[in-house]
Amino acid sequence: MDIAKSSRHSKVIGEFGEAFLSNWLSRSGFEVTTVDHTGLDIIAYHPPTKRRLGITVKSRTRDAGREATSVNVFSNQKEHDDRAKLREACEAFASEPWLAVYVETSESADLYLTSLEHYDQIYRPNKSRAIDTWKMGNKDRRTYHADPDVWHVRVAFTASKLDWRTGARTKAC
């Protein structure tokens, strides 16, 4: 089933991915704030370990048939070096650079979180590519699930629909 997207869906999904991650981190004992800074979306501080994470969040929606499409996470071109922007922002805020990827489909959503260092060591095999990606194939998702350095949350969507023309509720999808 395709998802009907509004004209502002990119902004909405980006803010939702950040809010979902903020909620998850807060439930895990982190003090969390969202920031509007080039390369950086969230700063999370964990008082027991005194770790401060500077997190960039990449959020995407995938229609039916495109669930396995990779997520572009970093442009590596000199004028748009997203990795460098994240590192610079993290240096300014005295935090470790981390990457979060939120991907939703009509049935479920997955949120992944890992350090930039881990991503670069394990999931970035070709360092000369212009664009780095977070792969979403079944094999890749199994690999992330087995990796103790990739945190993962999955939620399932169930909802009843409202027929906007009649106001009647229809069966759950």
C-alpha atoms as a PDB file:
ATOM      1  CA  MET A   1       0.000   0.000   0.000  1.00  0.00           C
ATOM      2  CA  ASP A   2       1.352   3.422  -0.935  1.00  0.00           C
ATOM      3  CA  ILE A   3       1.476   6.204   1.621  1.00  0.00           C
ATOM      4  CA  ALA A   4      -0.339   9.399   0.669  1.00  0.00           C
ATOM      5  CA  LYS A   5       2.215  12.142   1.377  1.00  0.00           C
ATOM      6  CA  SER A   6       1.472  15.793   1.964  1.00  0.00           C
ATOM      7  CA  SER A   7       3.407  18.585   0.307  1.00  0.00           C
ATOM      8  CA  ARG A   8       5.344  19.050   3.570  1.00  0.00           C
ATOM      9  CA  HIS A   9       5.966  15.358   4.213  1.00  0.00           C
ATOM     10  CA  SER A  10       9.765  15.632   4.043  1.00  0.00           C
ATOM     11  CA  LYS A  11       9.763  18.193   6.855  1.00  0.00           C
ATOM     12  CA  VAL A  12       7.175  16.253   8.881  1.00  0.00           C
ATOM     13  CA  ILE A  13       9.040  12.937   8.589  1.00  0.00           C
ATOM     14  CA  GLY A  14      12.330  14.636   9.506  1.00  0.00           C
ATOM     15  CA  GLU A  15      10.849  16.165  12.647  1.00  0.00           C
ATOM     16  CA  PHE A  16       9.111  12.894  13.534  1.00  0.00           C
ATOM     17  CA  GLY A  17      12.347  10.900  13.191  1.00  0.00           C
ATOM     18  CA  GLU A  18      14.076  13.359  15.525  1.00  0.00           C
ATOM     19  CA  ALA A  19      11.191  13.268  18.020  1.00  0.00           C
ATOM     20  CA  PHE A  20      11.027   9.464  17.944  1.00  0.00           C
ATOM     21  CA  LEU A  21      14.778   9.210  18.588  1.00  0.00           C
ATOM     22  CA  SER A  22      14.563  11.844  21.341  1.00  0.00           C
ATOM     23  CA  ASN A  23      11.793   9.857  23.025  1.00  0.00           C
ATOM     24  CA  TRP A  24      13.730   6.611  22.808  1.00  0.00           C
ATOM     25  CA  LEU A  25      16.903   8.186  24.204  1.00  0.00           C
ATOM     26  CA  SER A  26      14.978   9.905  26.999  1.00  0.00           C
ATOM     27  CA  ARG A  27      13.360   6.568  27.914  1.00  0.00           C
ATOM     28  CA  SER A  28      16.908   5.145  28.012  1.00  0.00           C
ATOM     29  CA  GLY A  29      18.141   7.685  30.589  1.00  0.00           C
ATOM     30  CA  PHE A  30      19.610  10.352  28.309  1.00  0.00           C
ATOM     31  CA  GLU A  31      19.036  14.067  28.685  1.00  0.00           C
ATOM     32  CA  VAL A  32      18.051  15.133  25.167  1.00  0.00           C
ATOM     33  CA  THR A  33      17.690  18.337  23.222  1.00  0.00           C
ATOM     34  CA  THR A  34      17.051  18.986  19.567  1.00  0.00           C
ATOM     35  CA  VAL A  35      19.247  21.577  17.920  1.00  0.00           C
ATOM     36  CA  ASP A  36      19.028  23.468  14.666  1.00  0.00           C
ATOM     37  CA  HIS A  37      22.666  23.391  13.649  1.00  0.00           C
ATOM     38  CA  THR A  38      24.248  22.486  10.320  1.00  0.00           C
ATOM     39  CA  GLY A  39      25.082  18.787  10.437  1.00  0.00           C
ATOM     40  CA  LEU A  40      23.593  18.190  13.884  1.00  0.00           C
ATOM     41  CA  ASP A  41      20.010  17.460  14.957  1.00  0.00           C
ATOM     42  CA  ILE A  42      20.159  16.092  18.525  1.00  0.00           C
ATOM     43  CA  ILE A  43      22.506  16.306  21.472  1.00  0.00           C
ATOM     44  CA  ALA A  44      22.047  13.529  24.008  1.00  0.00           C
ATOM     45  CA  TYR A  45      23.853  13.371  27.358  1.00  0.00           C
ATOM     46  CA  HIS A  46      23.990  10.186  29.436  1.00  0.00           C
ATOM     47  CA  PRO A  47      24.687  11.224  33.077  1.00  0.00           C
ATOM     48  CA  PRO A  48      25.845   7.801  34.375  1.00  0.00           C
ATOM     49  CA  THR A  49      28.568   7.509  31.709  1.00  0.00           C
ATOM     50  CA  LYS A  50      29.033  11.250  31.097  1.00  0.00           C
ATOM     51  CA  ARG A  51      28.883  10.601  27.341  1.00  0.00           C
ATOM     52  CA  ARG A  52      27.536  13.317  25.049  1.00  0.00           C
ATOM     53  CA  LEU A  53      26.332  12.239  21.619  1.00  0.00           C
ATOM     54  CA  GLY A  54      25.916  14.636  18.710  1.00  0.00           C
ATOM     55  CA  ILE A  55      23.483  12.939  16.363  1.00  0.00           C
ATOM     56  CA  THR A  56      22.514  13.594  12.764  1.00  0.00           C
ATOM     57  CA  VAL A  57      19.149  12.038  11.898  1.00  0.00           C
ATOM     58  CA  LYS A  58      18.206  10.861   8.419  1.00  0.00           C
ATOM     59  CA  SER A  59      14.472  10.135   8.063  1.00  0.00           C
ATOM     60  CA  ARG A  60      12.773   8.589   5.039  1.00  0.00           C
ATOM     61  CA  THR A  61       9.426   7.108   4.002  1.00  0.00           C
ATOM     62  CA  ARG A  62       9.374   4.136   1.648  1.00  0.00           C
ATOM     63  CA  ASP A  63       6.357   3.174  -0.465  1.00  0.00           C
ATOM     64  CA  ALA A  64       5.425  -0.440  -1.159  1.00  0.00           C
ATOM     65  CA  GLY A  65       8.035  -2.124  -3.329  1.00  0.00           C
ATOM     66  CA  ARG A  66      10.770   0.328  -2.286  1.00  0.00           C
ATOM     67  CA  GLU A  67      11.233  -0.800   1.337  1.00  0.00           C
ATOM     68  CA  ALA A  68      14.774  -2.055   0.635  1.00  0.00           C
ATOM     69  CA  THR A  69      15.944   1.199  -0.966  1.00  0.00           C
ATOM     70  CA  SER A  70      19.088   2.524   0.733  1.00  0.00           C
ATOM     71  CA  VAL A  71      19.084   5.830   2.606  1.00  0.00           C
ATOM     72  CA  ASN A  72      21.605   8.455   1.518  1.00  0.00           C
ATOM     73  CA  VAL A  73      23.326   9.529   4.728  1.00  0.00           C
ATOM     74  CA  PHE A  74      26.355  11.582   3.749  1.00  0.00           C
ATOM     75  CA  SER A  75      27.464  13.525   0.704  1.00  0.00           C
ATOM     76  CA  ASN A  76      31.251  13.462   0.494  1.00  0.00           C
ATOM     77  CA  GLN A  77      31.746  16.192  -2.085  1.00  0.00           C
ATOM     78  CA  LYS A  78      33.931  19.064  -0.880  1.00  0.00           C
ATOM     79  CA  GLU A  79      31.219  21.706  -1.101  1.00  0.00           C
ATOM     80  CA  HIS A  80      28.672  19.426   0.641  1.00  0.00           C
ATOM     81  CA  ASP A  81      30.800  17.301   2.986  1.00  0.00           C
ATOM     82  CA  ASP A  82      28.089  16.257   5.460  1.00  0.00           C
ATOM     83  CA  ARG A  83      30.470  14.106   7.500  1.00  0.00           C
ATOM     84  CA  ALA A  84      32.797  17.081   8.031  1.00  0.00           C
ATOM     85  CA  LYS A  85      29.836  19.277   9.032  1.00  0.00           C
ATOM     86  CA  LEU A  86      28.775  16.698  11.635  1.00  0.00           C
ATOM     87  CA  ARG A  87      32.314  16.422  13.005  1.00  0.00           C
ATOM     88  CA  GLU A  88      32.683  20.216  13.208  1.00  0.00           C
ATOM     89  CA  ALA A  89      29.336  20.608  14.969  1.00  0.00           C
ATOM     90  CA  CYS A  90      30.218  17.847  17.426  1.00  0.00           C
ATOM     91  CA  GLU A  91      33.525  19.511  18.166  1.00  0.00           C
ATOM     92  CA  ALA A  92      31.717  22.806  18.855  1.00  0.00           C
ATOM     93  CA  PHE A  93      29.297  21.047  21.225  1.00  0.00           C
ATOM     94  CA  ALA A  94      31.910  18.725  22.806  1.00  0.00           C
ATOM     95  CA  SER A  95      30.094  15.602  21.659  1.00  0.00           C
ATOM     96  CA  GLU A  96      30.801  12.318  19.864  1.00  0.00           C
ATOM     97  CA  PRO A  97      29.453  12.142  16.279  1.00  0.00           C
ATOM     98  CA  TRP A  98      26.623   9.632  15.829  1.00  0.00           C
ATOM     99  CA  LEU A  99      24.283   8.689  12.994  1.00  0.00           C
ATOM    100  CA  ALA A 100      20.579   7.806  13.287  1.00  0.00           C
ATOM    101  CA  VAL A 101      18.493   6.461  10.426  1.00  0.00           C
ATOM    102  CA  TYR A 102      14.678   6.363  10.669  1.00  0.00           C
ATOM    103  CA  VAL A 103      12.858   4.576   7.838  1.00  0.00           C
ATOM    104  CA  GLU A 104       9.125   3.992   7.753  1.00  0.00           C
ATOM    105  CA  THR A 105       6.865   2.009   5.449  1.00  0.00           C
ATOM    106  CA  SER A 106       3.091   1.651   5.534  1.00  0.00           C
ATOM    107  CA  GLU A 107       3.387  -1.277   7.990  1.00  0.00           C
ATOM    108  CA  SER A 108       6.338  -0.445  10.262  1.00  0.00           C
ATOM    109  CA  ALA A 109       9.264   1.815  11.061  1.00  0.00           C
ATOM    110  CA  ASP A 110      12.878   1.096  11.961  1.00  0.00           C
ATOM    111  CA  LEU A 111      15.211   3.399  13.839  1.00  0.00           C
ATOM    112  CA  TYR A 112      18.934   2.642  13.855  1.00  0.00           C
ATOM    113  CA  LEU A 113      21.613   4.441  15.866  1.00  0.00           C
ATOM    114  CA  THR A 114      25.374   3.966  15.741  1.00  0.00           C
ATOM    115  CA  SER A 115      28.507   6.014  16.196  1.00  0.00           C
ATOM    116  CA  LEU A 116      30.002   7.640  13.131  1.00  0.00           C
ATOM    117  CA  GLU A 117      33.232   5.810  13.910  1.00  0.00           C
ATOM    118  CA  HIS A 118      31.453   2.433  13.844  1.00  0.00           C
ATOM    119  CA  TYR A 119      29.559   3.321  10.674  1.00  0.00           C
ATOM    120  CA  ASP A 120      32.807   4.343   8.954  1.00  0.00           C
ATOM    121  CA  GLN A 121      34.665   1.201  10.066  1.00  0.00           C
ATOM    122  CA  ILE A 122      31.971  -1.379   9.328  1.00  0.00           C
ATOM    123  CA  TYR A 123      29.351  -0.004   6.940  1.00  0.00           C
ATOM    124  CA  ARG A 124      31.350   2.309   4.688  1.00  0.00           C
ATOM    125  CA  PRO A 125      33.439  -0.043   2.555  1.00  0.00           C
ATOM    126  CA  ASN A 126      34.092   2.346  -0.322  1.00  0.00           C
ATOM    127  CA  LYS A 127      35.419   5.603   1.112  1.00  0.00           C
ATOM    128  CA  SER A 128      35.753   7.202  -2.322  1.00  0.00           C
ATOM    129  CA  ARG A 129      32.025   7.230  -3.108  1.00  0.00           C
ATOM    130  CA  ALA A 130      30.323  10.594  -3.544  1.00  0.00           C
ATOM    131  CA  ILE A 131      27.352   9.472  -1.415  1.00  0.00           C
ATOM    132  CA  ASP A 132      27.399   7.140   1.591  1.00  0.00           C
ATOM    133  CA  THR A 133      24.314   5.037   2.215  1.00  0.00           C
ATOM    134  CA  TRP A 134      22.581   3.029   4.935  1.00  0.00           C
ATOM    135  CA  LYS A 135      21.452  -0.137   3.206  1.00  0.00           C
ATOM    136  CA  MET A 136      17.955  -1.466   3.946  1.00  0.00           C
ATOM    137  CA  GLY A 137      17.891  -4.893   2.308  1.00  0.00           C
ATOM    138  CA  ASN A 138      16.851  -7.932   4.364  1.00  0.00           C
ATOM    139  CA  LYS A 139      20.451  -9.137   4.700  1.00  0.00           C
ATOM    140  CA  ASP A 140      21.596  -5.654   5.807  1.00  0.00           C
ATOM    141  CA  ARG A 141      18.826  -5.388   8.419  1.00  0.00           C
ATOM    142  CA  ARG A 142      19.773  -8.811   9.819  1.00  0.00           C
ATOM    143  CA  THR A 143      23.396  -7.639  10.026  1.00  0.00           C
ATOM    144  CA  TYR A 144      22.384  -4.486  11.944  1.00  0.00           C
ATOM    145  CA  HIS A 145      20.224  -6.564  14.287  1.00  0.00           C
ATOM    146  CA  ALA A 146      23.184  -8.842  15.085  1.00  0.00           C
ATOM    147  CA  ASP A 147      25.610  -5.926  15.569  1.00  0.00           C
ATOM    148  CA  PRO A 148      25.870  -4.934  19.258  1.00  0.00           C
ATOM    149  CA  ASP A 149      27.072  -1.458  18.234  1.00  0.00           C
ATOM    150  CA  VAL A 150      23.921  -0.658  16.264  1.00  0.00           C
ATOM    151  CA  TRP A 151      20.932   0.191  18.456  1.00  0.00           C
ATOM    152  CA  HIS A 152      17.601  -0.646  16.841  1.00  0.00           C
ATOM    153  CA  VAL A 153      13.941   0.015  17.557  1.00  0.00           C
ATOM    154  CA  ARG A 154      11.114  -1.297  15.393  1.00  0.00           C
ATOM    155  CA  VAL A 155       7.496  -0.240  15.667  1.00  0.00           C
ATOM    156  CA  ALA A 156       4.497  -1.642  13.827  1.00  0.00           C
ATOM    157  CA  PHE A 157       1.751   0.624  12.539  1.00  0.00           C
ATOM    158  CA  THR A 158      -1.847  -0.435  12.973  1.00  0.00           C
ATOM    159  CA  ALA A 159      -4.643   2.016  12.447  1.00  0.00           C
ATOM    160  CA  SER A 160      -8.265   2.250  11.592  1.00  0.00           C
ATOM    161  CA  LYS A 161      -9.018   4.431   8.631  1.00  0.00           C
ATOM    162  CA  LEU A 162     -11.520   7.202   8.355  1.00  0.00           C
ATOM    163  CA  ASP A 163     -13.308   7.685   5.070  1.00  0.00           C
ATOM    164  CA  TRP A 164     -12.960  11.457   4.698  1.00  0.00           C
ATOM    165  CA  ARG A 165     -15.939  11.622   2.328  1.00  0.00           C
ATOM    166  CA  THR A 166     -18.489   9.937   4.610  1.00  0.00           C
ATOM    167  CA  GLY A 167     -16.899  10.199   8.056  1.00  0.00           C
ATOM    168  CA  ALA A 168     -17.287   6.428   8.479  1.00  0.00           C
ATOM    169  CA  ARG A 169     -14.579   4.272  10.020  1.00  0.00           C
ATOM    170  CA  THR A 170     -13.300   1.370   7.948  1.00  0.00           C
ATOM    171  CA  LYS A 171     -11.505  -1.796   9.060  1.00  0.00           C
ATOM    172  CA  ALA A 172      -7.938  -1.693  10.379  1.00  0.00           C
ATOM    173  CA  CYS A 173      -5.221  -1.758   7.770  1.00  0.00           C
END
